[in-house]
PDB file of N, CA and C in Angstrom:
ATOM      1  N   UNK A   1     -12.308  72.766 -37.804  1.00  0.00           N
ATOM      2  CA  UNK A   1     -12.923  71.334 -37.778  1.00  0.00           C
ATOM      3  C   UNK A   1     -14.188  71.418 -36.917  1.00  0.00           C
ATOM      4  N   UNK A   2     -15.259  70.762 -37.491  1.00  0.00           N
ATOM      5  CA  UNK A   2     -16.530  70.693 -36.717  1.00  0.00           C
ATOM      6  C   UNK A   2     -16.610  69.442 -36.076  1.00  0.00           C
ATOM      7  N   UNK A   3     -17.111  69.559 -34.892  1.00  0.00           N
ATOM      8  CA  UNK A   3     -17.197  68.243 -33.958  1.00  0.00           C
ATOM      9  C   UNK A   3     -18.771  67.796 -34.078  1.00  0.00           C
ATOM     10  N   UNK A   4     -18.881  66.347 -33.834  1.00  0.00           N
ATOM     11  CA  UNK A   4     -20.170  65.780 -34.033  1.00  0.00           C
ATOM     12  C   UNK A   4     -21.240  66.351 -33.187  1.00  0.00           C
ATOM     13  N   UNK A   5     -20.729  66.706 -31.794  1.00  0.00           N
ATOM     14  CA  UNK A   5     -21.786  67.336 -31.007  1.00  0.00           C
ATOM     15  C   UNK A   5     -22.371  68.750 -31.337  1.00  0.00           C
ATOM     16  N   UNK A   6     -21.562  69.331 -32.161  1.00  0.00           N
ATOM     17  CA  UNK A   6     -22.090  70.680 -32.628  1.00  0.00           C
ATOM     18  C   UNK A   6     -22.985  70.441 -33.806  1.00  0.00           C
ATOM     19  N   UNK A   7     -23.006  69.493 -34.466  1.00  0.00           N
ATOM     20  CA  UNK A   7     -23.809  69.107 -35.579  1.00  0.00           C
ATOM     21  C   UNK A   7     -25.291  68.623 -34.936  1.00  0.00           C
ATOM     22  N   UNK A   8     -25.023  67.828 -33.899  1.00  0.00           N
ATOM     23  CA  UNK A   8     -26.248  67.000 -33.151  1.00  0.00           C
ATOM     24  C   UNK A   8     -26.983  68.321 -32.641  1.00  0.00           C
ATOM     25  N   UNK A   9     -26.332  69.221 -31.955  1.00  0.00           N
ATOM     26  CA  UNK A   9     -26.830  70.277 -31.099  1.00  0.00           C
ATOM     27  C   UNK A   9     -27.689  71.170 -31.997  1.00  0.00           C
ATOM     28  N   UNK A  10     -27.104  71.425 -33.216  1.00  0.00           N
ATOM     29  CA  UNK A  10     -27.739  72.430 -34.397  1.00  0.00           C
ATOM     30  C   UNK A  10     -28.900  71.599 -34.783  1.00  0.00           C
ATOM     31  N   UNK A  11     -28.783  70.388 -35.287  1.00  0.00           N
ATOM     32  CA  UNK A  11     -29.941  69.575 -35.689  1.00  0.00           C
ATOM     33  C   UNK A  11     -31.112  69.526 -34.628  1.00  0.00           C
ATOM     34  N   UNK A  12     -30.972  69.439 -33.251  1.00  0.00           N
ATOM     35  CA  UNK A  12     -32.064  69.384 -32.482  1.00  0.00           C
ATOM     36  C   UNK A  12     -32.322  70.944 -32.066  1.00  0.00           C
ATOM     37  N   UNK A  13     -31.650  71.914 -32.329  1.00  0.00           N
ATOM     38  CA  UNK A  13     -32.237  73.300 -32.289  1.00  0.00           C
ATOM     39  C   UNK A  13     -33.129  73.519 -33.486  1.00  0.00           C
ATOM     40  N   UNK A  14     -32.666  73.032 -34.803  1.00  0.00           N
ATOM     41  CA  UNK A  14     -33.465  73.353 -35.623  1.00  0.00           C
ATOM     42  C   UNK A  14     -35.060  72.638 -35.755  1.00  0.00           C
ATOM     43  N   UNK A  15     -34.618  71.202 -35.149  1.00  0.00           N
ATOM     44  CA  UNK A  15     -36.100  70.547 -34.960  1.00  0.00           C
ATOM     45  C   UNK A  15     -36.991  71.527 -33.986  1.00  0.00           C
ATOM     46  N   UNK A  16     -36.413  71.990 -32.805  1.00  0.00           N
ATOM     47  CA  UNK A  16     -37.339  72.458 -31.832  1.00  0.00           C
ATOM     48  C   UNK A  16     -37.951  73.891 -32.456  1.00  0.00           C
ATOM     49  N   UNK A  17     -36.897  74.504 -33.332  1.00  0.00           N
ATOM     50  CA  UNK A  17     -37.468  75.717 -33.862  1.00  0.00           C
ATOM     51  C   UNK A  17     -38.626  75.520 -35.137  1.00  0.00           C
ATOM     52  N   UNK A  18     -38.622  74.469 -35.868  1.00  0.00           N
ATOM     53  CA  UNK A  18     -39.798  73.981 -36.587  1.00  0.00           C
ATOM     54  C   UNK A  18     -40.773  73.756 -35.543  1.00  0.00           C
ATOM     55  N   UNK A  19     -40.724  72.972 -34.547  1.00  0.00           N
ATOM     56  CA  UNK A  19     -41.752  72.762 -33.561  1.00  0.00           C
ATOM     57  C   UNK A  19     -42.345  73.991 -33.308  1.00  0.00           C
ATOM     58  N   UNK A  20     -41.730  74.985 -32.715  1.00  0.00           N
ATOM     59  CA  UNK A  20     -42.156  76.347 -32.165  1.00  0.00           C
ATOM     60  C   UNK A  20     -42.878  77.171 -33.428  1.00  0.00           C
ATOM     61  N   UNK A  21     -42.416  76.964 -34.581  1.00  0.00           N
ATOM     62  CA  UNK A  21     -43.116  77.550 -35.764  1.00  0.00           C
ATOM     63  C   UNK A  21     -44.401  77.021 -35.848  1.00  0.00           C
ATOM     64  N   UNK A  22     -44.561  75.654 -35.718  1.00  0.00           N
ATOM     65  CA  UNK A  22     -45.713  74.802 -35.922  1.00  0.00           C
ATOM     66  C   UNK A  22     -46.723  75.106 -34.815  1.00  0.00           C
ATOM     67  N   UNK A  23     -46.304  75.566 -33.782  1.00  0.00           N
ATOM     68  CA  UNK A  23     -47.144  75.825 -32.621  1.00  0.00           C
ATOM     69  C   UNK A  23     -47.334  77.307 -32.009  1.00  0.00           C
ATOM     70  N   UNK A  24     -47.052  78.281 -33.053  1.00  0.00           N
ATOM     71  CA  UNK A  24     -46.843  79.383 -32.669  1.00  0.00           C
ATOM     72  C   UNK A  24     -48.190  80.016 -32.213  1.00  0.00           C
ATOM     73  N   UNK A  25     -49.530  79.440 -32.420  1.00  0.00           N
ATOM     74  CA  UNK A  25     -50.513  79.949 -31.885  1.00  0.00           C
ATOM     75  C   UNK A  25     -50.600  79.758 -30.689  1.00  0.00           C
ATOM     76  N   UNK A  26     -50.284  78.474 -30.090  1.00  0.00           N
ATOM     77  CA  UNK A  26     -50.350  78.085 -28.823  1.00  0.00           C
ATOM     78  C   UNK A  26     -49.369  78.983 -27.979  1.00  0.00           C
ATOM     79  N   UNK A  27     -48.294  79.323 -28.316  1.00  0.00           N
ATOM     80  CA  UNK A  27     -47.079  80.133 -27.792  1.00  0.00           C
ATOM     81  C   UNK A  27     -47.517  81.500 -27.729  1.00  0.00           C
ATOM     82  N   UNK A  28     -48.489  82.127 -28.408  1.00  0.00           N
ATOM     83  CA  UNK A  28     -48.871  83.490 -28.323  1.00  0.00           C
ATOM     84  C   UNK A  28     -49.460  83.677 -27.069  1.00  0.00           C
ATOM     85  N   UNK A  29     -49.988  82.695 -26.204  1.00  0.00           N
ATOM     86  CA  UNK A  29     -50.415  82.894 -24.949  1.00  0.00           C
ATOM     87  C   UNK A  29     -49.283  83.231 -23.813  1.00  0.00           C
ATOM     88  N   UNK A  30     -48.150  83.053 -24.182  1.00  0.00           N
ATOM     89  CA  UNK A  30     -47.246  83.520 -23.254  1.00  0.00           C
ATOM     90  C   UNK A  30     -46.974  85.189 -23.332  1.00  0.00           C
ATOM     91  N   UNK A  31     -46.754  85.670 -22.210  1.00  0.00           N
ATOM     92  CA  UNK A  31     -46.569  87.180 -22.229  1.00  0.00           C
ATOM     93  C   UNK A  31     -45.228  87.471 -22.910  1.00  0.00           C
ATOM     94  N   UNK A  32     -45.322  88.363 -23.970  1.00  0.00           N
ATOM     95  CA  UNK A  32     -44.225  89.119 -24.739  1.00  0.00           C
ATOM     96  C   UNK A  32     -43.379  87.673 -25.415  1.00  0.00           C
ATOM     97  N   UNK A  33     -44.289  86.814 -26.076  1.00  0.00           N
ATOM     98  CA  UNK A  33     -43.702  85.726 -26.476  1.00  0.00           C
ATOM     99  C   UNK A  33     -42.621  85.937 -27.515  1.00  0.00           C
ATOM    100  N   UNK A  34     -42.583  86.832 -28.312  1.00  0.00           N
ATOM    101  CA  UNK A  34     -41.678  87.279 -29.410  1.00  0.00           C
ATOM    102  C   UNK A  34     -40.220  87.344 -28.659  1.00  0.00           C
ATOM    103  N   UNK A  35     -40.193  87.785 -27.486  1.00  0.00           N
ATOM    104  CA  UNK A  35     -38.874  88.114 -26.917  1.00  0.00           C
ATOM    105  C   UNK A  35     -38.131  86.588 -26.723  1.00  0.00           C
ATOM    106  N   UNK A  36     -38.595  85.694 -26.039  1.00  0.00           N
ATOM    107  CA  UNK A  36     -37.940  84.372 -26.000  1.00  0.00           C
ATOM    108  C   UNK A  36     -37.729  83.727 -27.297  1.00  0.00           C
ATOM    109  N   UNK A  37     -38.686  83.967 -28.391  1.00  0.00           N
ATOM    110  CA  UNK A  37     -38.319  83.220 -29.733  1.00  0.00           C
ATOM    111  C   UNK A  37     -37.490  83.799 -30.313  1.00  0.00           C
ATOM    112  N   UNK A  38     -37.316  85.148 -30.361  1.00  0.00           N
ATOM    113  CA  UNK A  38     -36.119  85.805 -30.788  1.00  0.00           C
ATOM    114  C   UNK A  38     -34.749  85.230 -30.180  1.00  0.00           C
ATOM    115  N   UNK A  39     -34.861  85.230 -28.768  1.00  0.00           N
ATOM    116  CA  UNK A  39     -33.645  84.747 -27.977  1.00  0.00           C
ATOM    117  C   UNK A  39     -33.310  83.372 -28.578  1.00  0.00           C
ATOM    118  N   UNK A  40     -34.146  82.466 -28.758  1.00  0.00           N
ATOM    119  CA  UNK A  40     -33.912  81.034 -29.208  1.00  0.00           C
ATOM    120  C   UNK A  40     -33.328  81.025 -30.702  1.00  0.00           C
ATOM    121  N   UNK A  41     -34.039  82.065 -31.659  1.00  0.00           N
ATOM    122  CA  UNK A  41     -33.502  82.003 -32.847  1.00  0.00           C
ATOM    123  C   UNK A  41     -32.023  82.492 -32.794  1.00  0.00           C
ATOM    124  N   UNK A  42     -31.630  83.382 -31.933  1.00  0.00           N
ATOM    125  CA  UNK A  42     -30.161  83.733 -31.909  1.00  0.00           C
ATOM    126  C   UNK A  42     -29.334  82.619 -31.401  1.00  0.00           C
ATOM    127  N   UNK A  43     -29.836  81.735 -30.486  1.00  0.00           N
ATOM    128  CA  UNK A  43     -29.162  80.473 -30.070  1.00  0.00           C
ATOM    129  C   UNK A  43     -28.911  79.682 -31.272  1.00  0.00           C
ATOM    130  N   UNK A  44     -29.962  79.307 -32.106  1.00  0.00           N
ATOM    131  CA  UNK A  44     -29.765  78.455 -33.191  1.00  0.00           C
ATOM    132  C   UNK A  44     -28.765  79.097 -34.254  1.00  0.00           C
ATOM    133  N   UNK A  45     -28.862  80.262 -34.388  1.00  0.00           N
ATOM    134  CA  UNK A  45     -27.949  81.270 -35.102  1.00  0.00           C
ATOM    135  C   UNK A  45     -26.571  81.061 -34.636  1.00  0.00           C
ATOM    136  N   UNK A  46     -26.341  80.933 -33.583  1.00  0.00           N
ATOM    137  CA  UNK A  46     -24.891  80.819 -33.021  1.00  0.00           C
ATOM    138  C   UNK A  46     -24.509  79.344 -33.076  1.00  0.00           C
ATOM    139  N   UNK A  47     -25.476  78.467 -32.986  1.00  0.00           N
ATOM    140  CA  UNK A  47     -25.010  76.984 -33.289  1.00  0.00           C
ATOM    141  C   UNK A  47     -24.728  76.826 -34.668  1.00  0.00           C
ATOM    142  N   UNK A  48     -25.241  77.420 -35.673  1.00  0.00           N
ATOM    143  CA  UNK A  48     -25.066  77.459 -37.035  1.00  0.00           C
ATOM    144  C   UNK A  48     -23.577  78.170 -37.237  1.00  0.00           C
ATOM    145  N   UNK A  49     -23.318  79.307 -36.701  1.00  0.00           N
ATOM    146  CA  UNK A  49     -22.195  79.826 -36.848  1.00  0.00           C
ATOM    147  C   UNK A  49     -20.959  78.928 -36.385  1.00  0.00           C
ATOM    148  N   UNK A  50     -21.256  78.191 -35.536  1.00  0.00           N
ATOM    149  CA  UNK A  50     -20.187  77.292 -34.843  1.00  0.00           C
ATOM    150  C   UNK A  50     -19.811  76.325 -35.839  1.00  0.00           C
ATOM    151  N   UNK A  51     -20.858  75.633 -36.418  1.00  0.00           N
ATOM    152  CA  UNK A  51     -20.516  74.752 -37.435  1.00  0.00           C
ATOM    153  C   UNK A  51     -19.760  75.394 -38.628  1.00  0.00           C
ATOM    154  N   UNK A  52     -20.238  76.421 -39.192  1.00  0.00           N
ATOM    155  CA  UNK A  52     -19.670  77.140 -40.336  1.00  0.00           C
ATOM    156  C   UNK A  52     -18.072  77.622 -40.124  1.00  0.00           C
ATOM    157  N   UNK A  53     -17.905  77.828 -38.853  1.00  0.00           N
ATOM    158  CA  UNK A  53     -16.623  78.508 -38.550  1.00  0.00           C
ATOM    159  C   UNK A  53     -15.665  77.385 -38.668  1.00  0.00           C
ATOM    160  N   UNK A  54     -15.942  76.062 -38.768  1.00  0.00           N
ATOM    161  CA  UNK A  54     -15.078  75.269 -38.922  1.00  0.00           C
ATOM    162  C   UNK A  54     -14.446  75.133 -40.372  1.00  0.00           C
ATOM    163  N   UNK A  55     -15.254  75.718 -41.359  1.00  0.00           N
ATOM    164  CA  UNK A  55     -14.922  75.565 -42.771  1.00  0.00           C
ATOM    165  C   UNK A  55     -14.586  76.963 -43.339  1.00  0.00           C
ATOM    166  N   UNK A  56     -15.357  78.094 -43.075  1.00  0.00           N
ATOM    167  CA  UNK A  56     -14.968  79.438 -43.611  1.00  0.00           C
ATOM    168  C   UNK A  56     -15.137  80.447 -42.713  1.00  0.00           C
ATOM    169  N   UNK A  57     -14.360  81.764 -42.721  1.00  0.00           N
ATOM    170  CA  UNK A  57     -14.441  82.787 -41.995  1.00  0.00           C
ATOM    171  C   UNK A  57     -14.381  82.703 -40.484  1.00  0.00           C
ATOM    172  N   UNK A  58     -13.470  82.007 -40.141  1.00  0.00           N
ATOM    173  CA  UNK A  58     -13.259  81.623 -38.757  1.00  0.00           C
ATOM    174  C   UNK A  58     -13.529  82.845 -37.678  1.00  0.00           C
ATOM    175  N   UNK A  59     -12.821  83.752 -37.977  1.00  0.00           N
ATOM    176  CA  UNK A  59     -12.872  84.863 -36.738  1.00  0.00           C
ATOM    177  C   UNK A  59     -14.089  85.670 -36.948  1.00  0.00           C
ATOM    178  N   UNK A  60     -14.763  85.895 -38.108  1.00  0.00           N
ATOM    179  CA  UNK A  60     -15.964  86.571 -38.136  1.00  0.00           C
ATOM    180  C   UNK A  60     -17.140  85.802 -37.581  1.00  0.00           C
ATOM    181  N   UNK A  61     -17.075  84.387 -37.967  1.00  0.00           N
ATOM    182  CA  UNK A  61     -18.250  83.538 -37.439  1.00  0.00           C
ATOM    183  C   UNK A  61     -18.160  83.430 -35.959  1.00  0.00           C
ATOM    184  N   UNK A  62     -16.979  83.329 -35.457  1.00  0.00           N
ATOM    185  CA  UNK A  62     -16.768  82.997 -34.070  1.00  0.00           C
ATOM    186  C   UNK A  62     -17.326  84.436 -33.258  1.00  0.00           C
ATOM    187  N   UNK A  63     -17.066  85.703 -33.870  1.00  0.00           N
ATOM    188  CA  UNK A  63     -17.604  86.984 -33.399  1.00  0.00           C
ATOM    189  C   UNK A  63     -19.245  86.611 -33.388  1.00  0.00           C
ATOM    190  N   UNK A  64     -19.591  86.319 -34.563  1.00  0.00           N
ATOM    191  CA  UNK A  64     -21.121  86.212 -34.735  1.00  0.00           C
ATOM    192  C   UNK A  64     -21.534  85.371 -33.660  1.00  0.00           C
ATOM    193  N   UNK A  65     -21.095  84.170 -33.444  1.00  0.00           N
ATOM    194  CA  UNK A  65     -21.464  83.087 -32.408  1.00  0.00           C
ATOM    195  C   UNK A  65     -21.469  83.738 -31.187  1.00  0.00           C
ATOM    196  N   UNK A  66     -20.337  84.412 -30.538  1.00  0.00           N
ATOM    197  CA  UNK A  66     -20.633  84.962 -29.323  1.00  0.00           C
ATOM    198  C   UNK A  66     -21.427  86.219 -29.018  1.00  0.00           C
ATOM    199  N   UNK A  67     -21.584  87.035 -30.234  1.00  0.00           N
ATOM    200  CA  UNK A  67     -22.495  88.025 -30.173  1.00  0.00           C
ATOM    201  C   UNK A  67     -24.035  87.401 -30.036  1.00  0.00           C
ATOM    202  N   UNK A  68     -24.259  86.373 -30.737  1.00  0.00           N
ATOM    203  CA  UNK A  68     -25.584  85.852 -30.638  1.00  0.00           C
ATOM    204  C   UNK A  68     -25.994  85.108 -29.338  1.00  0.00           C
ATOM    205  N   UNK A  69     -24.851  84.618 -28.545  1.00  0.00           N
ATOM    206  CA  UNK A  69     -25.170  84.082 -27.313  1.00  0.00           C
ATOM    207  C   UNK A  69     -25.345  85.364 -26.240  1.00  0.00           C
ATOM    208  N   UNK A  70     -24.590  86.285 -26.325  1.00  0.00           N
ATOM    209  CA  UNK A  70     -24.731  87.275 -25.573  1.00  0.00           C
ATOM    210  C   UNK A  70     -25.971  88.199 -25.634  1.00  0.00           C
ATOM    211  N   UNK A  71     -26.512  88.279 -27.055  1.00  0.00           N
ATOM    212  CA  UNK A  71     -28.057  88.948 -27.466  1.00  0.00           C
ATOM    213  C   UNK A  71     -28.954  88.110 -26.822  1.00  0.00           C
ATOM    214  N   UNK A  72     -28.789  86.816 -26.860  1.00  0.00           N
ATOM    215  CA  UNK A  72     -29.703  85.767 -26.536  1.00  0.00           C
ATOM    216  C   UNK A  72     -29.835  86.169 -25.071  1.00  0.00           C
ATOM    217  N   UNK A  73     -29.008  85.922 -24.262  1.00  0.00           N
ATOM    218  CA  UNK A  73     -28.943  86.072 -22.807  1.00  0.00           C
ATOM    219  C   UNK A  73     -29.623  87.435 -22.495  1.00  0.00           C
ATOM    220  N   UNK A  74     -29.193  88.383 -22.972  1.00  0.00           N
ATOM    221  CA  UNK A  74     -29.627  89.914 -22.783  1.00  0.00           C
ATOM    222  C   UNK A  74     -31.185  89.949 -23.109  1.00  0.00           C
ATOM    223  N   UNK A  75     -31.705  89.202 -24.219  1.00  0.00           N
ATOM    224  CA  UNK A  75     -33.130  89.425 -24.503  1.00  0.00           C
ATOM    225  C   UNK A  75     -34.050  88.432 -23.338  1.00  0.00           C
ATOM    226  N   UNK A  76     -33.267  87.256 -23.013  1.00  0.00           N
ATOM    227  CA  UNK A  76     -34.002  86.625 -21.920  1.00  0.00           C
ATOM    228  C   UNK A  76     -34.052  87.255 -20.662  1.00  0.00           C
ATOM    229  N   UNK A  77     -33.171  88.100 -20.153  1.00  0.00           N
ATOM    230  CA  UNK A  77     -33.150  89.022 -18.989  1.00  0.00           C
ATOM    231  C   UNK A  77     -34.116  89.898 -19.240  1.00  0.00           C
ATOM    232  N   UNK A  78     -34.093  90.574 -20.474  1.00  0.00           N
ATOM    233  CA  UNK A  78     -35.293  91.832 -20.653  1.00  0.00           C
ATOM    234  C   UNK A  78     -36.573  91.217 -20.490  1.00  0.00           C
ATOM    235  N   UNK A  79     -36.927  89.921 -20.947  1.00  0.00           N
ATOM    236  CA  UNK A  79     -38.105  89.306 -21.121  1.00  0.00           C
ATOM    237  C   UNK A  79     -38.562  88.937 -19.602  1.00  0.00           C
ATOM    238  N   UNK A  80     -37.527  88.417 -18.718  1.00  0.00           N
ATOM    239  CA  UNK A  80     -37.703  88.108 -17.218  1.00  0.00           C
ATOM    240  C   UNK A  80     -38.185  89.534 -16.685  1.00  0.00           C
ATOM    241  N   UNK A  81     -37.394  90.393 -16.803  1.00  0.00           N
ATOM    242  CA  UNK A  81     -37.840  91.565 -16.331  1.00  0.00           C
ATOM    243  C   UNK A  81     -39.088  92.268 -16.717  1.00  0.00           C
ATOM    244  N   UNK A  82     -39.532  92.276 -17.912  1.00  0.00           N
ATOM    245  CA  UNK A  82     -40.670  92.662 -18.425  1.00  0.00           C
ATOM    246  C   UNK A  82     -41.941  91.894 -17.796  1.00  0.00           C
ATOM    247  N   UNK A  83     -41.697  90.498 -18.016  1.00  0.00           N
ATOM    248  CA  UNK A  83     -42.891  89.691 -17.353  1.00  0.00           C
ATOM    249  C   UNK A  83     -43.088  89.899 -15.964  1.00  0.00           C
ATOM    250  N   UNK A  84     -42.060  90.019 -15.139  1.00  0.00           N
ATOM    251  CA  UNK A  84     -41.990  90.197 -13.660  1.00  0.00           C
ATOM    252  C   UNK A  84     -42.956  91.493 -13.304  1.00  0.00           C
ATOM    253  N   UNK A  85     -42.668  92.431 -13.891  1.00  0.00           N
ATOM    254  CA  UNK A  85     -43.329  93.761 -13.684  1.00  0.00           C
ATOM    255  C   UNK A  85     -44.674  93.677 -14.207  1.00  0.00           C
ATOM    256  N   UNK A  86     -45.048  93.004 -15.356  1.00  0.00           N
ATOM    257  CA  UNK A  86     -46.437  93.174 -15.953  1.00  0.00           C
ATOM    258  C   UNK A  86     -47.142  92.275 -15.318  1.00  0.00           C
ATOM    259  N   UNK A  87     -46.746  91.261 -14.271  1.00  0.00           N
ATOM    260  CA  UNK A  87     -47.529  90.434 -13.421  1.00  0.00           C
ATOM    261  C   UNK A  87     -47.846  91.186 -12.375  1.00  0.00           C
ATOM    262  N   UNK A  88     -47.109  92.091 -11.942  1.00  0.00           N
ATOM    263  CA  UNK A  88     -47.294  92.681 -10.671  1.00  0.00           C
ATOM    264  C   UNK A  88     -48.452  93.848 -10.798  1.00  0.00           C
ATOM    265  N   UNK A  89     -48.422  94.330 -11.951  1.00  0.00           N
ATOM    266  CA  UNK A  89     -49.193  95.317 -12.481  1.00  0.00           C
ATOM    267  C   UNK A  89     -50.667  94.895 -12.865  1.00  0.00           C
ATOM    268  N   UNK A  90     -50.785  93.649 -13.188  1.00  0.00           N
ATOM    269  CA  UNK A  90     -51.996  93.183 -13.732  1.00  0.00           C
ATOM    270  C   UNK A  90     -52.878  92.697 -12.486  1.00  0.00           C
TER     271      UNK A  90
END
């Protein structure tokens, strides 16, 4: 069963994803901007999997959801690591 807050979270997430896509030229000034964008895309994928698991393939989508969260966090850690050392070297 899907809860209302999951749908609202996904709707906000997709709205922000559309905004990010529309403003991708401005975002390119952020160092290694593709890494946090991929991390955010994985979060939106996790929110989508959360909604779908209420209807079909519960165990598989639950695994995809949690894997997406973990990979998103890992990407953000890698991005923080990369930009922290690129700022020192520059």
